[in-house]
């Protein structure tokens, strides 16, 4: 079950509940949440696009990446709280 963190530019930014064994990351998709969504790693020193399986246009990807970077501390705090780490 996904945990939706935010809606930005019509894209949902969320975690999947069964992915606590991976490093912190978010999925991004337009409309409903899907397992094949775009994925960003969220690190203490930045954000990295893991893949763009959701085929989000480059212009939107840059805006989403900037948004995630601006909110990385909150996203990381939510990740560790969500997964009880």
PDB file of N, CA and C in Angstrom:
ATOM      1  N   UNK A   1       0.847  -1.172   0.000  1.00  0.00           N
ATOM      2  CA  UNK A   1       0.000   0.000   0.000  1.00  0.00           C
ATOM      3  C   UNK A   1       0.897   1.241   0.000  1.00  0.00           C
ATOM      4  N   UNK A   2       0.708   2.141  -0.931  1.00  0.00           N
ATOM      5  CA  UNK A   2       1.559   3.332  -0.944  1.00  0.00           C
ATOM      6  C   UNK A   2       1.164   4.350   0.114  1.00  0.00           C
ATOM      7  N   UNK A   3       2.151   5.097   0.569  1.00  0.00           N
ATOM      8  CA  UNK A   3       1.933   6.220   1.473  1.00  0.00           C
ATOM      9  C   UNK A   3       2.209   7.466   0.652  1.00  0.00           C
ATOM     10  N   UNK A   4       1.180   8.210   0.316  1.00  0.00           N
ATOM     11  CA  UNK A   4       1.342   9.416  -0.491  1.00  0.00           C
ATOM     12  C   UNK A   4       1.844  10.537   0.399  1.00  0.00           C
ATOM     13  N   UNK A   5       2.949  11.138  -0.001  1.00  0.00           N
ATOM     14  CA  UNK A   5       3.544  12.234   0.752  1.00  0.00           C
ATOM     15  C   UNK A   5       3.011  13.580   0.279  1.00  0.00           C
ATOM     16  N   UNK A   6       2.884  13.717  -1.030  1.00  0.00           N
ATOM     17  CA  UNK A   6       2.576  15.032  -1.585  1.00  0.00           C
ATOM     18  C   UNK A   6       2.045  14.872  -2.997  1.00  0.00           C
ATOM     19  N   UNK A   7       1.264  15.847  -3.411  1.00  0.00           N
ATOM     20  CA  UNK A   7       0.863  15.964  -4.795  1.00  0.00           C
ATOM     21  C   UNK A   7       1.533  17.231  -5.312  1.00  0.00           C
ATOM     22  N   UNK A   8       2.288  17.119  -6.395  1.00  0.00           N
ATOM     23  CA  UNK A   8       3.030  18.252  -6.937  1.00  0.00           C
ATOM     24  C   UNK A   8       2.871  18.255  -8.451  1.00  0.00           C
ATOM     25  N   UNK A   9       2.365  19.331  -9.005  1.00  0.00           N
ATOM     26  CA  UNK A   9       2.144  19.468 -10.448  1.00  0.00           C
ATOM     27  C   UNK A   9       1.262  18.349 -11.008  1.00  0.00           C
ATOM     28  N   UNK A  10       0.383  17.805 -10.172  1.00  0.00           N
ATOM     29  CA  UNK A  10      -0.476  16.709 -10.608  1.00  0.00           C
ATOM     30  C   UNK A  10       0.159  15.339 -10.495  1.00  0.00           C
ATOM     31  N   UNK A  11       1.387  15.275  -9.958  1.00  0.00           N
ATOM     32  CA  UNK A  11       2.088  14.004  -9.751  1.00  0.00           C
ATOM     33  C   UNK A  11       2.018  13.628  -8.276  1.00  0.00           C
ATOM     34  N   UNK A  12       1.754  12.359  -8.002  1.00  0.00           N
ATOM     35  CA  UNK A  12       1.802  11.859  -6.633  1.00  0.00           C
ATOM     36  C   UNK A  12       3.241  11.457  -6.331  1.00  0.00           C
ATOM     37  N   UNK A  13       3.708  11.825  -5.140  1.00  0.00           N
ATOM     38  CA  UNK A  13       5.039  11.448  -4.652  1.00  0.00           C
ATOM     39  C   UNK A  13       4.786  10.555  -3.447  1.00  0.00           C
ATOM     40  N   UNK A  14       5.318   9.331  -3.474  1.00  0.00           N
ATOM     41  CA  UNK A  14       4.918   8.365  -2.454  1.00  0.00           C
ATOM     42  C   UNK A  14       5.979   7.285  -2.210  1.00  0.00           C
ATOM     43  N   UNK A  15       5.758   6.544  -1.089  1.00  0.00           N
ATOM     44  CA  UNK A  15       6.547   5.354  -0.732  1.00  0.00           C
ATOM     45  C   UNK A  15       5.650   4.139  -0.950  1.00  0.00           C
ATOM     46  N   UNK A  16       6.263   3.001  -1.246  1.00  0.00           N
ATOM     47  CA  UNK A  16       5.566   1.720  -1.186  1.00  0.00           C
ATOM     48  C   UNK A  16       5.888   1.109   0.171  1.00  0.00           C
ATOM     49  N   UNK A  17       4.926   0.538   0.823  1.00  0.00           N
ATOM     50  CA  UNK A  17       5.070   0.043   2.191  1.00  0.00           C
ATOM     51  C   UNK A  17       6.035  -1.137   2.328  1.00  0.00           C
ATOM     52  N   UNK A  18       6.340  -1.842   1.274  1.00  0.00           N
ATOM     53  CA  UNK A  18       7.178  -3.040   1.390  1.00  0.00           C
ATOM     54  C   UNK A  18       8.613  -2.825   0.903  1.00  0.00           C
ATOM     55  N   UNK A  19       9.094  -1.605   0.903  1.00  0.00           N
ATOM     56  CA  UNK A  19      10.422  -1.348   0.338  1.00  0.00           C
ATOM     57  C   UNK A  19      11.416  -0.809   1.359  1.00  0.00           C
ATOM     58  N   UNK A  20      11.237  -1.175   2.610  1.00  0.00           N
ATOM     59  CA  UNK A  20      12.133  -0.689   3.651  1.00  0.00           C
ATOM     60  C   UNK A  20      13.535  -1.268   3.551  1.00  0.00           C
ATOM     61  N   UNK A  21      13.738  -2.310   2.760  1.00  0.00           N
ATOM     62  CA  UNK A  21      15.072  -2.894   2.610  1.00  0.00           C
ATOM     63  C   UNK A  21      15.923  -2.140   1.584  1.00  0.00           C
ATOM     64  N   UNK A  22      15.328  -1.195   0.887  1.00  0.00           N
ATOM     65  CA  UNK A  22      16.065  -0.373  -0.071  1.00  0.00           C
ATOM     66  C   UNK A  22      16.448   0.951   0.592  1.00  0.00           C
ATOM     67  N   UNK A  23      17.431   1.647   0.031  1.00  0.00           N
ATOM     68  CA  UNK A  23      17.752   2.993   0.544  1.00  0.00           C
ATOM     69  C   UNK A  23      16.544   3.918   0.356  1.00  0.00           C
ATOM     70  N   UNK A  24      16.492   5.026   1.098  1.00  0.00           N
ATOM     71  CA  UNK A  24      15.360   5.943   0.977  1.00  0.00           C
ATOM     72  C   UNK A  24      15.150   6.404  -0.470  1.00  0.00           C
ATOM     73  N   UNK A  25      13.893   6.366  -0.885  1.00  0.00           N
ATOM     74  CA  UNK A  25      13.529   6.791  -2.232  1.00  0.00           C
ATOM     75  C   UNK A  25      12.038   7.102  -2.278  1.00  0.00           C
ATOM     76  N   UNK A  26      11.646   7.801  -3.330  1.00  0.00           N
ATOM     77  CA  UNK A  26      10.234   8.062  -3.582  1.00  0.00           C
ATOM     78  C   UNK A  26       9.893   7.627  -4.998  1.00  0.00           C
ATOM     79  N   UNK A  27       8.642   7.303  -5.178  1.00  0.00           N
ATOM     80  CA  UNK A  27       8.099   7.021  -6.493  1.00  0.00           C
ATOM     81  C   UNK A  27       7.257   8.218  -6.897  1.00  0.00           C
ATOM     82  N   UNK A  28       7.183   8.468  -8.185  1.00  0.00           N
ATOM     83  CA  UNK A  28       6.412   9.595  -8.705  1.00  0.00           C
ATOM     84  C   UNK A  28       5.599   9.107  -9.891  1.00  0.00           C
ATOM     85  N   UNK A  29       4.297   9.392  -9.855  1.00  0.00           N
ATOM     86  CA  UNK A  29       3.444   9.033 -10.990  1.00  0.00           C
ATOM     87  C   UNK A  29       2.303  10.020 -11.126  1.00  0.00           C
ATOM     88  N   UNK A  30       1.827  10.134 -12.331  1.00  0.00           N
ATOM     89  CA  UNK A  30       0.672  10.988 -12.627  1.00  0.00           C
ATOM     90  C   UNK A  30      -0.559  10.102 -12.519  1.00  0.00           C
ATOM     91  N   UNK A  31      -1.564  10.585 -11.809  1.00  0.00           N
ATOM     92  CA  UNK A  31      -2.755   9.768 -11.622  1.00  0.00           C
ATOM     93  C   UNK A  31      -2.563   8.783 -10.488  1.00  0.00           C
ATOM     94  N   UNK A  32      -2.917   7.546 -10.734  1.00  0.00           N
ATOM     95  CA  UNK A  32      -2.831   6.552  -9.650  1.00  0.00           C
ATOM     96  C   UNK A  32      -1.394   6.053  -9.449  1.00  0.00           C
ATOM     97  N   UNK A  33      -1.131   5.584  -8.256  1.00  0.00           N
ATOM     98  CA  UNK A  33       0.193   5.073  -7.932  1.00  0.00           C
ATOM     99  C   UNK A  33       0.369   3.699  -8.574  1.00  0.00           C
ATOM    100  N   UNK A  34       1.536   3.495  -9.200  1.00  0.00           N
ATOM    101  CA  UNK A  34       1.819   2.223  -9.858  1.00  0.00           C
ATOM    102  C   UNK A  34       3.224   1.758  -9.500  1.00  0.00           C
ATOM    103  N   UNK A  35       3.427   0.462  -9.543  1.00  0.00           N
ATOM    104  CA  UNK A  35       4.735  -0.109  -9.235  1.00  0.00           C
ATOM    105  C   UNK A  35       5.774   0.285 -10.283  1.00  0.00           C
ATOM    106  N   UNK A  36       5.366   0.598 -11.498  1.00  0.00           N
ATOM    107  CA  UNK A  36       6.297   0.964 -12.559  1.00  0.00           C
ATOM    108  C   UNK A  36       6.535   2.457 -12.661  1.00  0.00           C
ATOM    109  N   UNK A  37       6.386   3.165 -11.567  1.00  0.00           N
ATOM    110  CA  UNK A  37       6.520   4.622 -11.566  1.00  0.00           C
ATOM    111  C   UNK A  37       7.981   5.052 -11.624  1.00  0.00           C
ATOM    112  N   UNK A  38       8.173   6.312 -11.890  1.00  0.00           N
ATOM    113  CA  UNK A  38       9.501   6.932 -11.841  1.00  0.00           C
ATOM    114  C   UNK A  38      10.004   6.883 -10.407  1.00  0.00           C
ATOM    115  N   UNK A  39      11.325   6.743 -10.234  1.00  0.00           N
ATOM    116  CA  UNK A  39      11.900   6.585  -8.887  1.00  0.00           C
ATOM    117  C   UNK A  39      13.076   7.530  -8.707  1.00  0.00           C
ATOM    118  N   UNK A  40      13.101   8.184  -7.549  1.00  0.00           N
ATOM    119  CA  UNK A  40      14.213   9.041  -7.148  1.00  0.00           C
ATOM    120  C   UNK A  40      14.802   8.525  -5.842  1.00  0.00           C
ATOM    121  N   UNK A  41      16.126   8.354  -5.798  1.00  0.00           N
ATOM    122  CA  UNK A  41      16.816   8.088  -4.539  1.00  0.00           C
ATOM    123  C   UNK A  41      16.908   9.417  -3.792  1.00  0.00           C
ATOM    124  N   UNK A  42      16.646   9.389  -2.489  1.00  0.00           N
ATOM    125  CA  UNK A  42      16.734  10.591  -1.664  1.00  0.00           C
ATOM    126  C   UNK A  42      17.861  10.354  -0.668  1.00  0.00           C
ATOM    127  N   UNK A  43      18.947  11.105  -0.858  1.00  0.00           N
ATOM    128  CA  UNK A  43      20.148  10.930  -0.034  1.00  0.00           C
ATOM    129  C   UNK A  43      20.350  12.162   0.837  1.00  0.00           C
ATOM    130  N   UNK A  44      21.174  12.044   1.830  1.00  0.00           N
ATOM    131  CA  UNK A  44      21.469  13.196   2.686  1.00  0.00           C
ATOM    132  C   UNK A  44      22.166  14.314   1.903  1.00  0.00           C
ATOM    133  N   UNK A  45      22.882  13.931   0.838  1.00  0.00           N
ATOM    134  CA  UNK A  45      23.632  14.934   0.075  1.00  0.00           C
ATOM    135  C   UNK A  45      22.992  15.254  -1.277  1.00  0.00           C
ATOM    136  N   UNK A  46      21.751  14.847  -1.478  1.00  0.00           N
ATOM    137  CA  UNK A  46      21.084  15.200  -2.727  1.00  0.00           C
ATOM    138  C   UNK A  46      20.033  14.198  -3.156  1.00  0.00           C
ATOM    139  N   UNK A  47      19.627  14.343  -4.388  1.00  0.00           N
ATOM    140  CA  UNK A  47      18.583  13.515  -4.980  1.00  0.00           C
ATOM    141  C   UNK A  47      19.123  12.990  -6.309  1.00  0.00           C
ATOM    142  N   UNK A  48      18.791  11.745  -6.633  1.00  0.00           N
ATOM    143  CA  UNK A  48      19.276  11.145  -7.875  1.00  0.00           C
ATOM    144  C   UNK A  48      18.130  10.386  -8.548  1.00  0.00           C
ATOM    145  N   UNK A  49      17.944  10.616  -9.818  1.00  0.00           N
ATOM    146  CA  UNK A  49      16.941   9.880 -10.577  1.00  0.00           C
ATOM    147  C   UNK A  49      17.419   8.446 -10.751  1.00  0.00           C
ATOM    148  N   UNK A  50      16.668   7.482 -10.234  1.00  0.00           N
ATOM    149  CA  UNK A  50      17.015   6.069 -10.393  1.00  0.00           C
ATOM    150  C   UNK A  50      16.572   5.585 -11.772  1.00  0.00           C
ATOM    151  N   UNK A  51      15.341   5.904 -12.138  1.00  0.00           N
ATOM    152  CA  UNK A  51      14.827   5.588 -13.469  1.00  0.00           C
ATOM    153  C   UNK A  51      13.555   6.389 -13.722  1.00  0.00           C
ATOM    154  N   UNK A  52      13.237   6.543 -14.988  1.00  0.00           N
ATOM    155  CA  UNK A  52      12.037   7.272 -15.384  1.00  0.00           C
ATOM    156  C   UNK A  52      11.077   6.326 -16.098  1.00  0.00           C
ATOM    157  N   UNK A  53      10.725   5.234 -15.426  1.00  0.00           N
ATOM    158  CA  UNK A  53       9.813   4.262 -16.018  1.00  0.00           C
ATOM    159  C   UNK A  53       8.426   4.847 -16.264  1.00  0.00           C
ATOM    160  N   UNK A  54       8.076   5.897 -15.524  1.00  0.00           N
ATOM    161  CA  UNK A  54       6.790   6.546 -15.712  1.00  0.00           C
ATOM    162  C   UNK A  54       6.765   7.491 -16.896  1.00  0.00           C
ATOM    163  N   UNK A  55       7.892   7.635 -17.560  1.00  0.00           N
ATOM    164  CA  UNK A  55       8.040   8.471 -18.755  1.00  0.00           C
ATOM    165  C   UNK A  55       7.545   9.911 -18.525  1.00  0.00           C
ATOM    166  N   UNK A  56       7.960  10.476 -17.417  1.00  0.00           N
ATOM    167  CA  UNK A  56       7.634  11.861 -17.107  1.00  0.00           C
ATOM    168  C   UNK A  56       8.470  12.760 -18.015  1.00  0.00           C
ATOM    169  N   UNK A  57       7.853  13.775 -18.619  1.00  0.00           N
ATOM    170  CA  UNK A  57       8.615  14.680 -19.487  1.00  0.00           C
ATOM    171  C   UNK A  57       9.776  15.344 -18.742  1.00  0.00           C
ATOM    172  N   UNK A  58      10.877  15.561 -19.443  1.00  0.00           N
ATOM    173  CA  UNK A  58      12.093  16.120 -18.852  1.00  0.00           C
ATOM    174  C   UNK A  58      11.831  17.426 -18.107  1.00  0.00           C
ATOM    175  N   UNK A  59      11.020  18.288 -18.677  1.00  0.00           N
ATOM    176  CA  UNK A  59      10.701  19.575 -18.042  1.00  0.00           C
ATOM    177  C   UNK A  59      10.084  19.357 -16.657  1.00  0.00           C
ATOM    178  N   UNK A  60       9.146  18.414 -16.554  1.00  0.00           N
ATOM    179  CA  UNK A  60       8.516  18.113 -15.266  1.00  0.00           C
ATOM    180  C   UNK A  60       9.487  17.397 -14.334  1.00  0.00           C
ATOM    181  N   UNK A  61      10.323  16.512 -14.883  1.00  0.00           N
ATOM    182  CA  UNK A  61      11.315  15.802 -14.057  1.00  0.00           C
ATOM    183  C   UNK A  61      12.212  16.784 -13.310  1.00  0.00           C
ATOM    184  N   UNK A  62      12.667  17.823 -14.016  1.00  0.00           N
ATOM    185  CA  UNK A  62      13.547  18.816 -13.381  1.00  0.00           C
ATOM    186  C   UNK A  62      12.820  19.528 -12.245  1.00  0.00           C
ATOM    187  N   UNK A  63      11.562  19.875 -12.447  1.00  0.00           N
ATOM    188  CA  UNK A  63      10.784  20.552 -11.404  1.00  0.00           C
ATOM    189  C   UNK A  63      10.539  19.627 -10.216  1.00  0.00           C
ATOM    190  N   UNK A  64      10.230  18.372 -10.503  1.00  0.00           N
ATOM    191  CA  UNK A  64       9.991  17.400  -9.433  1.00  0.00           C
ATOM    192  C   UNK A  64      11.269  17.149  -8.649  1.00  0.00           C
ATOM    193  N   UNK A  65      12.387  16.990  -9.342  1.00  0.00           N
ATOM    194  CA  UNK A  65      13.671  16.772  -8.666  1.00  0.00           C
ATOM    195  C   UNK A  65      14.003  17.959  -7.762  1.00  0.00           C
ATOM    196  N   UNK A  66      13.781  19.168  -8.245  1.00  0.00           N
ATOM    197  CA  UNK A  66      14.028  20.368  -7.424  1.00  0.00           C
ATOM    198  C   UNK A  66      13.119  20.389  -6.207  1.00  0.00           C
ATOM    199  N   UNK A  67      11.873  20.005  -6.389  1.00  0.00           N
ATOM    200  CA  UNK A  67      10.925  19.960  -5.277  1.00  0.00           C
ATOM    201  C   UNK A  67      11.375  18.933  -4.231  1.00  0.00           C
ATOM    202  N   UNK A  68      11.763  17.749  -4.688  1.00  0.00           N
ATOM    203  CA  UNK A  68      12.222  16.703  -3.762  1.00  0.00           C
ATOM    204  C   UNK A  68      13.471  17.176  -3.027  1.00  0.00           C
ATOM    205  N   UNK A  69      14.395  17.792  -3.734  1.00  0.00           N
ATOM    206  CA  UNK A  69      15.610  18.307  -3.110  1.00  0.00           C
ATOM    207  C   UNK A  69      15.284  19.356  -2.051  1.00  0.00           C
ATOM    208  N   UNK A  70      14.367  20.258  -2.353  1.00  0.00           N
ATOM    209  CA  UNK A  70      13.985  21.306  -1.395  1.00  0.00           C
ATOM    210  C   UNK A  70      13.301  20.726  -0.164  1.00  0.00           C
ATOM    211  N   UNK A  71      12.742  19.524  -0.288  1.00  0.00           N
ATOM    212  CA  UNK A  71      12.016  18.893   0.818  1.00  0.00           C
ATOM    213  C   UNK A  71      12.673  17.604   1.299  1.00  0.00           C
ATOM    214  N   UNK A  72      13.952  17.413   0.961  1.00  0.00           N
ATOM    215  CA  UNK A  72      14.597  16.139   1.270  1.00  0.00           C
ATOM    216  C   UNK A  72      14.642  15.838   2.766  1.00  0.00           C
ATOM    217  N   UNK A  73      14.851  16.838   3.610  1.00  0.00           N
ATOM    218  CA  UNK A  73      14.891  16.567   5.054  1.00  0.00           C
ATOM    219  C   UNK A  73      13.548  16.033   5.547  1.00  0.00           C
ATOM    220  N   UNK A  74      12.466  16.649   5.096  1.00  0.00           N
ATOM    221  CA  UNK A  74      11.137  16.183   5.496  1.00  0.00           C
ATOM    222  C   UNK A  74      10.847  14.796   4.930  1.00  0.00           C
ATOM    223  N   UNK A  75      11.238  14.567   3.680  1.00  0.00           N
ATOM    224  CA  UNK A  75      11.008  13.260   3.057  1.00  0.00           C
ATOM    225  C   UNK A  75      11.788  12.173   3.790  1.00  0.00           C
ATOM    226  N   UNK A  76      13.045  12.444   4.116  1.00  0.00           N
ATOM    227  CA  UNK A  76      13.843  11.458   4.856  1.00  0.00           C
ATOM    228  C   UNK A  76      13.248  11.196   6.235  1.00  0.00           C
ATOM    229  N   UNK A  77      12.804  12.232   6.923  1.00  0.00           N
ATOM    230  CA  UNK A  77      12.178  12.058   8.236  1.00  0.00           C
ATOM    231  C   UNK A  77      10.919  11.193   8.109  1.00  0.00           C
ATOM    232  N   UNK A  78      10.124  11.441   7.070  1.00  0.00           N
ATOM    233  CA  UNK A  78       8.917  10.637   6.838  1.00  0.00           C
ATOM    234  C   UNK A  78       9.277   9.191   6.528  1.00  0.00           C
ATOM    235  N   UNK A  79      10.335   9.002   5.732  1.00  0.00           N
ATOM    236  CA  UNK A  79      10.776   7.637   5.391  1.00  0.00           C
ATOM    237  C   UNK A  79      11.115   6.865   6.667  1.00  0.00           C
ATOM    238  N   UNK A  80      11.948   7.445   7.517  1.00  0.00           N
ATOM    239  CA  UNK A  80      12.383   6.723   8.716  1.00  0.00           C
ATOM    240  C   UNK A  80      11.231   6.531   9.695  1.00  0.00           C
ATOM    241  N   UNK A  81      10.305   7.465   9.753  1.00  0.00           N
ATOM    242  CA  UNK A  81       9.130   7.306  10.618  1.00  0.00           C
ATOM    243  C   UNK A  81       8.206   6.220  10.028  1.00  0.00           C
ATOM    244  N   UNK A  82       7.975   6.262   8.740  1.00  0.00           N
ATOM    245  CA  UNK A  82       7.078   5.304   8.086  1.00  0.00           C
ATOM    246  C   UNK A  82       7.570   3.867   8.250  1.00  0.00           C
ATOM    247  N   UNK A  83       8.884   3.682   8.125  1.00  0.00           N
ATOM    248  CA  UNK A  83       9.457   2.344   8.216  1.00  0.00           C
ATOM    249  C   UNK A  83      10.000   2.019   9.611  1.00  0.00           C
ATOM    250  N   UNK A  84       9.690   2.858  10.600  1.00  0.00           N
ATOM    251  CA  UNK A  84      10.097   2.622  11.990  1.00  0.00           C
ATOM    252  C   UNK A  84      11.595   2.381  12.120  1.00  0.00           C
ATOM    253  N   UNK A  85      12.397   3.232  11.511  1.00  0.00           N
ATOM    254  CA  UNK A  85      13.855   3.064  11.559  1.00  0.00           C
ATOM    255  C   UNK A  85      14.462   4.090  12.476  1.00  0.00           C
TER     256      UNK A  85
END
